[in-house]
Protein backbone atom coordinates (compact mmCIF):
# COMPACT_ATOMS: atom_id res chain seq x y z
CA MET A 1 -45.78 10.12 -2.84
CA CYS A 2 -46.88 6.76 -2.03
CA THR A 3 -45.66 5.54 1.50
CA ARG A 4 -44.23 2.46 0.10
CA ILE A 5 -42.33 4.26 -2.41
CA ARG A 6 -41.16 6.51 0.34
CA VAL A 7 -40.20 3.75 2.28
CA GLU A 8 -38.32 1.98 -0.32
CA LEU A 9 -36.25 5.15 -1.56
CA ALA A 10 -35.54 6.02 2.01
CA LEU A 11 -34.11 2.26 2.47
CA GLU A 12 -32.11 2.57 -0.63
CA LEU A 13 -30.56 5.92 0.03
CA TYR A 14 -29.52 4.68 3.44
CA LYS A 15 -27.88 1.14 1.83
CA THR A 16 -26.05 3.49 -0.63
CA ASN A 17 -24.78 5.89 2.07
CA GLU A 18 -26.57 8.67 0.24
CA ALA A 19 -28.58 9.67 3.47
CA SER A 20 -28.16 9.08 7.14
CA LEU A 21 -30.40 7.05 9.15
CA GLU A 22 -32.22 10.07 10.78
CA LYS A 23 -32.95 11.41 7.25
CA SER A 24 -33.73 8.04 5.83
CA ALA A 25 -36.46 7.54 8.69
CA GLU A 26 -37.58 11.09 8.18
CA LEU A 27 -38.28 10.28 4.43
CA ALA A 28 -39.96 7.34 4.92
CA GLY A 29 -42.14 9.00 7.46
CA LEU A 30 -40.87 6.80 10.43
CA THR A 31 -39.57 7.24 13.72
CA THR A 32 -35.84 6.30 13.95
CA GLY A 33 -36.34 3.40 16.13
CA ALA A 34 -39.14 2.17 13.50
CA PHE A 35 -36.73 2.74 10.70
CA GLU A 36 -34.16 0.82 12.67
CA LYS A 37 -36.50 -2.09 12.91
CA LEU A 38 -37.45 -2.05 9.38
CA LEU A 39 -33.54 -2.35 8.41
CA ALA A 40 -33.19 -5.24 11.06
CA ASP A 41 -36.28 -6.75 9.53
CA ARG A 42 -35.07 -6.51 5.83
CA GLY A 43 -31.91 -7.70 6.79
CA ILE A 44 -29.81 -4.32 6.16
CA LYS A 45 -27.09 -3.90 8.59
CA ARG A 46 -26.55 -0.33 10.20
CA GLU A 47 -23.24 0.91 9.58
CA ILE A 48 -21.69 3.55 12.06
CA GLU A 49 -20.03 6.77 10.60
CA GLU A 50 -16.39 7.11 11.51
CA ASP A 51 -17.24 10.49 12.96
CA LYS A 52 -20.13 8.90 15.04
CA ILE A 53 -17.56 6.03 16.46
CA ALA A 54 -15.27 8.68 17.98
CA GLU A 55 -18.35 10.35 19.70
CA ILE A 56 -19.38 7.05 20.85
CA ASP A 57 -16.25 6.13 22.37
CA ASP A 58 -16.06 9.70 24.05
CA THR A 59 -19.49 9.07 25.28
CA VAL A 60 -18.77 5.51 26.93
CA LYS A 61 -15.41 7.28 28.32
CA GLU A 62 -17.47 10.05 29.98
CA VAL A 63 -20.13 7.76 31.46
CA PHE A 64 -17.41 5.36 32.77
CA LEU A 65 -15.57 7.61 34.41
CA LYS A 66 -18.67 9.18 36.09
CA VAL A 67 -19.69 5.62 37.08
CA MET A 68 -16.22 5.09 38.73
CA LEU A 69 -16.38 8.36 40.43
CA SER A 70 -19.61 7.58 41.72
CA VAL A 71 -18.44 4.09 42.99
CA SER A 72 -15.62 5.77 44.56
CA VAL A 73 -17.33 8.44 46.51
CA PHE A 74 -19.81 5.76 47.69
CA GLN A 75 -17.14 3.67 48.95
CA ASP A 76 -15.09 6.71 50.71
CA ARG A 77 -18.44 7.80 52.43
CA LYS A 78 -19.25 3.87 53.38
CA PHE A 79 -15.46 3.67 54.76
CA ASN A 80 -15.94 6.89 56.78
CA ARG A 81 -18.92 5.86 58.72
CA ARG A 82 -17.19 3.00 60.50
């Protein structure tokens, strides 16, 4: 199949929510990053699936807690050295 046709098909499948970002990129023969850039270049907004939002929220909370814990441990060590 012609590369241009594959790309256009992948874009259409993505826009109609019939394929995920990853699957659309694969179909287009592009990396996910390159497909994201193509979407931006075409003015196509990325949609984040609802199940991904919860996953992203959990990751943000986890990272935030790790950072806060690291800062707390660092401050405790710094305080105890005085």
